[in-house]
Structure formats: structure tokens, C-alpha cells
C-alpha atoms as a PDB file:
ATOM      1  CA  MET A   1      -0.013 -14.328 -24.153  1.00  0.00           C
ATOM      2  CA  SER A   2       0.777 -17.370 -22.410  1.00  0.00           C
ATOM      3  CA  LYS A   3      -1.293 -18.706 -19.417  1.00  0.00           C
ATOM      4  CA  SER A   4       1.650 -18.098 -16.953  1.00  0.00           C
ATOM      5  CA  LYS A   5       1.322 -14.271 -17.845  1.00  0.00           C
ATOM      6  CA  LEU A   6      -2.341 -14.158 -17.392  1.00  0.00           C
ATOM      7  CA  ASN A   7      -3.217 -12.694 -14.083  1.00  0.00           C
ATOM      8  CA  THR A   8       0.382 -11.796 -13.084  1.00  0.00           C
ATOM      9  CA  PRO A   9       0.333  -8.669 -11.627  1.00  0.00           C
ATOM     10  CA  ARG A  10       2.482  -5.756 -12.972  1.00  0.00           C
ATOM     11  CA  PHE A  11       3.446  -2.506 -10.823  1.00  0.00           C
ATOM     12  CA  ARG A  12       3.557   1.187 -11.870  1.00  0.00           C
ATOM     13  CA  GLN A  13       3.788   4.393 -10.427  1.00  0.00           C
ATOM     14  CA  ALA A  14       0.506   5.944 -10.148  1.00  0.00           C
ATOM     15  CA  GLY A  15       0.195   9.610 -11.727  1.00  0.00           C
ATOM     16  CA  PRO A  16      -2.393  12.244 -12.183  1.00  0.00           C
ATOM     17  CA  ARG A  17      -4.689  10.321 -14.777  1.00  0.00           C
ATOM     18  CA  ASP A  18      -4.974   7.687 -11.949  1.00  0.00           C
ATOM     19  CA  ARG A  19      -6.723  10.071  -9.748  1.00  0.00           C
ATOM     20  CA  ASP A  20     -10.507   9.085  -9.994  1.00  0.00           C
ATOM     21  CA  ALA A  21      -9.596   5.261  -9.856  1.00  0.00           C
ATOM     22  CA  LEU A  22      -7.705   5.903  -6.781  1.00  0.00           C
ATOM     23  CA  GLU A  23     -10.372   7.747  -5.401  1.00  0.00           C
ATOM     24  CA  GLN A  24     -12.789   5.226  -5.986  1.00  0.00           C
ATOM     25  CA  MET A  25     -10.396   2.681  -4.312  1.00  0.00           C
ATOM     26  CA  ILE A  26      -9.627   4.383  -1.300  1.00  0.00           C
ATOM     27  CA  ILE A  27     -13.376   4.702  -0.751  1.00  0.00           C
ATOM     28  CA  ALA A  28     -13.899   1.157  -1.530  1.00  0.00           C
ATOM     29  CA  TYR A  29     -10.829   0.511   1.098  1.00  0.00           C
ATOM     30  CA  TYR A  30     -12.499   2.502   3.761  1.00  0.00           C
ATOM     31  CA  ILE A  31     -15.783   0.860   3.344  1.00  0.00           C
ATOM     32  CA  PHE A  32     -14.053  -2.672   3.352  1.00  0.00           C
ATOM     33  CA  ASP A  33     -12.020  -1.639   6.483  1.00  0.00           C
ATOM     34  CA  ASN A  34     -14.861  -0.083   8.519  1.00  0.00           C
ATOM     35  CA  GLN A  35     -13.356   3.253   8.445  1.00  0.00           C
ATOM     36  CA  THR A  36     -14.531   6.567   7.773  1.00  0.00           C
ATOM     37  CA  VAL A  37     -12.507   9.190   5.805  1.00  0.00           C
ATOM     38  CA  GLU A  38     -13.185  12.611   4.748  1.00  0.00           C
ATOM     39  CA  LYS A  39     -13.069  13.343   0.824  1.00  0.00           C
ATOM     40  CA  SER A  40     -11.341  16.643   1.538  1.00  0.00           C
ATOM     41  CA  LYS A  41      -8.437  14.136   2.797  1.00  0.00           C
ATOM     42  CA  ILE A  42      -8.321  11.991  -0.356  1.00  0.00           C
ATOM     43  CA  LYS A  43      -7.926  15.060  -2.087  1.00  0.00           C
ATOM     44  CA  SER A  44      -5.078  16.806  -0.163  1.00  0.00           C
ATOM     45  CA  SER A  45      -3.323  13.251   0.122  1.00  0.00           C
ATOM     46  CA  LEU A  46      -3.667  12.744  -3.724  1.00  0.00           C
ATOM     47  CA  ASP A  47      -2.384  15.852  -4.510  1.00  0.00           C
ATOM     48  CA  ILE A  48       0.846  15.234  -2.405  1.00  0.00           C
ATOM     49  CA  ALA A  49       1.234  11.741  -3.732  1.00  0.00           C
ATOM     50  CA  LEU A  50       0.469  12.336  -7.527  1.00  0.00           C
ATOM     51  CA  THR A  51       3.198  14.950  -7.694  1.00  0.00           C
ATOM     52  CA  GLU A  52       6.846  14.073  -7.859  1.00  0.00           C
ATOM     53  CA  ASN A  53       7.410  13.560  -4.258  1.00  0.00           C
ATOM     54  CA  PRO A  54      10.385  12.099  -2.585  1.00  0.00           C
ATOM     55  CA  HIS A  55       8.541  10.797   0.454  1.00  0.00           C
ATOM     56  CA  VAL A  56       5.695   8.967  -1.159  1.00  0.00           C
ATOM     57  CA  VAL A  57       5.201   6.787  -4.221  1.00  0.00           C
ATOM     58  CA  ILE A  58       1.451   5.191  -4.815  1.00  0.00           C
ATOM     59  CA  TRP A  59       1.838   2.244  -6.929  1.00  0.00           C
ATOM     60  CA  ILE A  60      -1.141   0.839  -9.183  1.00  0.00           C
ATOM     61  CA  ILE A  61      -1.590  -3.008  -9.543  1.00  0.00           C
ATOM     62  CA  GLU A  62      -2.835  -4.209 -12.757  1.00  0.00           C
ATOM     63  CA  VAL A  63      -3.898  -7.484 -13.798  1.00  0.00           C
ATOM     64  CA  ASP A  64      -4.275  -8.265 -17.616  1.00  0.00           C
ATOM     65  CA  ASN A  65      -4.222  -4.331 -18.275  1.00  0.00           C
ATOM     66  CA  GLU A  66      -6.927  -3.563 -15.756  1.00  0.00           C
ATOM     67  CA  ILE A  67      -6.529  -1.824 -12.638  1.00  0.00           C
ATOM     68  CA  ALA A  68      -6.792  -4.315  -9.861  1.00  0.00           C
ATOM     69  CA  GLY A  69      -5.645  -2.300  -6.603  1.00  0.00           C
ATOM     70  CA  TYR A  70      -3.023   0.066  -5.066  1.00  0.00           C
ATOM     71  CA  PHE A  71      -0.549   0.726  -2.291  1.00  0.00           C
ATOM     72  CA  ALA A  72       1.381   3.611  -0.802  1.00  0.00           C
ATOM     73  CA  LEU A  73       5.297   3.526  -0.060  1.00  0.00           C
ATOM     74  CA  VAL A  74       5.913   6.305   2.446  1.00  0.00           C
ATOM     75  CA  ILE A  75       9.370   6.977   3.352  1.00  0.00           C
ATOM     76  CA  GLY A  76      10.295   8.243   6.989  1.00  0.00           C
ATOM     77  CA  PHE A  77      13.272   8.388   8.846  1.00  0.00           C
ATOM     78  CA  THR A  78      14.240   6.538  12.014  1.00  0.00           C
ATOM     79  CA  ILE A  79      17.504   6.363  14.247  1.00  0.00           C
ATOM     80  CA  GLU A  80      16.285   2.953  15.158  1.00  0.00           C
ATOM     81  CA  ALA A  81      16.244   1.746  11.645  1.00  0.00           C
ATOM     82  CA  GLY A  82      19.646   3.264  10.984  1.00  0.00           C
ATOM     83  CA  GLY A  83      18.314   5.891   8.118  1.00  0.00           C
ATOM     84  CA  LYS A  84      15.175   5.538   5.925  1.00  0.00           C
ATOM     85  CA  ASP A  85      12.152   3.713   7.052  1.00  0.00           C
ATOM     86  CA  GLY A  86       9.570   2.625   4.790  1.00  0.00           C
ATOM     87  CA  PHE A  87       5.708   2.301   5.819  1.00  0.00           C
ATOM     88  CA  LEU A  88       3.813   0.250   3.465  1.00  0.00           C
ATOM     89  CA  ASP A  89       0.259   2.222   3.453  1.00  0.00           C
ATOM     90  CA  GLU A  90      -3.172   0.914   2.475  1.00  0.00           C
ATOM     91  CA  LEU A  91      -2.852  -1.991   0.273  1.00  0.00           C
ATOM     92  CA  PHE A  92      -6.050  -2.628  -1.340  1.00  0.00           C
ATOM     93  CA  VAL A  93      -7.113  -5.144  -3.804  1.00  0.00           C
ATOM     94  CA  LYS A  94     -10.300  -5.434  -5.528  1.00  0.00           C
ATOM     95  CA  GLU A  95     -12.753  -7.738  -4.602  1.00  0.00           C
ATOM     96  CA  LYS A  96     -13.021  -9.760  -7.712  1.00  0.00           C
ATOM     97  CA  TYR A  97      -8.953  -9.906  -7.782  1.00  0.00           C
ATOM     98  CA  ARG A  98      -8.473 -11.182  -4.162  1.00  0.00           C
ATOM     99  CA  ASP A  99      -7.478 -14.993  -3.463  1.00  0.00           C
ATOM    100  CA  ARG A 100      -5.371 -14.912  -6.485  1.00  0.00           C
ATOM    101  CA  GLY A 101      -1.926 -14.040  -4.566  1.00  0.00           C
ATOM    102  CA  ILE A 102      -1.959 -10.348  -5.850  1.00  0.00           C
ATOM    103  CA  GLY A 103      -1.567  -8.833  -2.280  1.00  0.00           C
ATOM    104  CA  ARG A 104       1.068 -11.205  -1.292  1.00  0.00           C
ATOM    105  CA  ALA A 105       2.748 -10.472  -4.715  1.00  0.00           C
ATOM    106  CA  ALA A 106       2.518  -6.499  -3.946  1.00  0.00           C
ATOM    107  CA  VAL A 107       4.039  -6.712  -0.459  1.00  0.00           C
ATOM    108  CA  LYS A 108       7.033  -8.701  -2.139  1.00  0.00           C
ATOM    109  CA  PHE A 109       7.137  -6.199  -4.803  1.00  0.00           C
ATOM    110  CA  ALA A 110       7.333  -3.346  -2.342  1.00  0.00           C
ATOM    111  CA  LEU A 111      10.239  -5.460  -0.179  1.00  0.00           C
ATOM    112  CA  ASP A 112      12.185  -5.751  -3.234  1.00  0.00           C
ATOM    113  CA  ILE A 113      12.169  -2.199  -4.223  1.00  0.00           C
ATOM    114  CA  CYS A 114      13.228  -1.050  -0.647  1.00  0.00           C
ATOM    115  CA  PRO A 115      16.982  -1.352  -1.136  1.00  0.00           C
ATOM    116  CA  SER A 116      16.957   0.831  -4.522  1.00  0.00           C
ATOM    117  CA  MET A 117      15.069   3.419  -2.211  1.00  0.00           C
ATOM    118  CA  GLY A 118      17.339   3.356   0.549  1.00  0.00           C
ATOM    119  CA  ILE A 119      14.387   1.926   2.988  1.00  0.00           C
ATOM    120  CA  ARG A 120      16.060  -0.102   5.796  1.00  0.00           C
ATOM    121  CA  ARG A 121      13.008  -1.211   7.393  1.00  0.00           C
ATOM    122  CA  LEU A 122       9.430  -1.749   6.068  1.00  0.00           C
ATOM    123  CA  SER A 123       6.418  -1.380   8.518  1.00  0.00           C
ATOM    124  CA  LEU A 124       2.552  -1.493   8.090  1.00  0.00           C
ATOM    125  CA  GLU A 125      -0.516  -1.242   9.940  1.00  0.00           C
ATOM    126  CA  VAL A 126      -3.167  -3.844  10.001  1.00  0.00           C
ATOM    127  CA  GLU A 127      -6.563  -3.669  11.510  1.00  0.00           C
ATOM    128  CA  THR A 128      -7.110  -6.097  14.567  1.00  0.00           C
ATOM    129  CA  HIS A 129     -10.318  -7.508  13.072  1.00  0.00           C
ATOM    130  CA  ASN A 130      -8.345  -8.124   9.430  1.00  0.00           C
ATOM    131  CA  LEU A 131      -7.020 -11.941  10.663  1.00  0.00           C
ATOM    132  CA  ARG A 132      -6.478 -12.949   6.945  1.00  0.00           C
ATOM    133  CA  ALA A 133      -3.997  -9.926   6.319  1.00  0.00           C
ATOM    134  CA  LYS A 134      -2.482 -10.339   9.518  1.00  0.00           C
ATOM    135  CA  ARG A 135      -1.604 -14.135   8.866  1.00  0.00           C
ATOM    136  CA  LEU A 136      -0.194 -12.868   5.093  1.00  0.00           C
ATOM    137  CA  TYR A 137       1.992 -10.329   6.434  1.00  0.00           C
ATOM    138  CA  GLN A 138       3.197 -12.681   9.138  1.00  0.00           C
ATOM    139  CA  ASP A 139       3.833 -15.413   6.503  1.00  0.00           C
ATOM    140  CA  ILE A 140       5.921 -13.215   4.535  1.00  0.00           C
ATOM    141  CA  GLY A 141       8.063 -12.114   7.821  1.00  0.00           C
ATOM    142  CA  PHE A 142       6.448  -9.171   9.458  1.00  0.00           C
ATOM    143  CA  PHE A 143       6.332  -9.404  13.256  1.00  0.00           C
ATOM    144  CA  THR A 144       4.417  -7.451  15.942  1.00  0.00           C
ATOM    145  CA  HIS A 145       6.025  -5.100  18.378  1.00  0.00           C
ATOM    146  CA  ASP A 146       5.819  -5.009  22.100  1.00  0.00           C
ATOM    147  CA  ARG A 147       4.361  -1.563  21.377  1.00  0.00           C
ATOM    148  CA  ILE A 148       1.171   0.401  20.830  1.00  0.00           C
ATOM    149  CA  LEU A 149       0.943   2.871  17.798  1.00  0.00           C
ATOM    150  CA  MET A 150      -0.356   6.272  19.011  1.00  0.00           C
ATOM    151  CA  SER A 151      -1.289   9.068  17.044  1.00  0.00           C
ATOM    152  CA  TYR A 152      -2.258  12.898  17.598  1.00  0.00           C
ATOM    153  CA  TRP A 153      -4.143  15.022  15.126  1.00  0.00           C
ATOM    154  CA  VAL A 154      -2.385  18.089  14.742  1.00  0.00           C
ATOM    155  CA  ASP A 155      -4.688  19.877  12.662  1.00  0.00           C
END
């Protein structure tokens, strides 16, 4: 294998066989991001995402045939964007693969596939304490709004 191909991330859609690896990475992501998550929510999310679903695709990031991380691309709709709106959810790169440009490559991959999915705008969230990720996203061209994200737990 040529040196230029080594450490080059590849992206593939996750399937049911990736469930255990995804569960471990999701837990690691939440620990890294100082958040809590119930295992029941991980299970129900993966039950939805790992079946053929037109609203969400989880992508596995592989480097040298090893799983290096994941992200989810979620499709919604907004009049403001003129149609389909994408949301880059939970981009996570394992610690041993960080500082190699893999996160940047994942974001660019997500942006590149948006047109084929009919997505007109891609949004994401970043924790206020994660300045490194915020700089990465801004460097790529993401911008903040003069809005506040608000949520309501329905269940």
C-alpha cells in the first residue's frame, strides 16, 4: 500500500454488525464531552439508525481497516433552507486517531454527500467548552447564528 493511502480515512454506512463498536464509541463520546446518556437511549437510537431509514445514516470512519470513529447524518426539513436540512450529529474520532485531519475529512465527506441526498443546509452543535472543534468547524465555513437552540423532552 502506498504511503499516501495509509491513514487516509474511508467512510462506509454502518450496519447491524457495527452495533457493539458504535455503542462503545457513543459511550466514549459522551464521556469525552462531559455528558450523560442512558443506555436505553443509545439502544433505541441504534435500533432506528441501523435499519434502512430515510432520515438518518450513521457513517463509520475507518483508517487502515480499523474503526476510527463515526458520525450521523440526520435529515430534516426547514422552509428557511428551502427544503431538506441536514444535521451532522455526534462526530467522534477515537483518541489514537486524533490530530491526523480525520475529523476534518469526515466533515468534508458529509458536506460532499449532501447534494446527492438533497440536503441544502448542514448544521451541527458544538459544546461551548470544545474550542478545538469550534475552530475546526469555523475554519471549514460553519458559522454561528444569533439564535439560541432550545429543546423540550416530549417523553
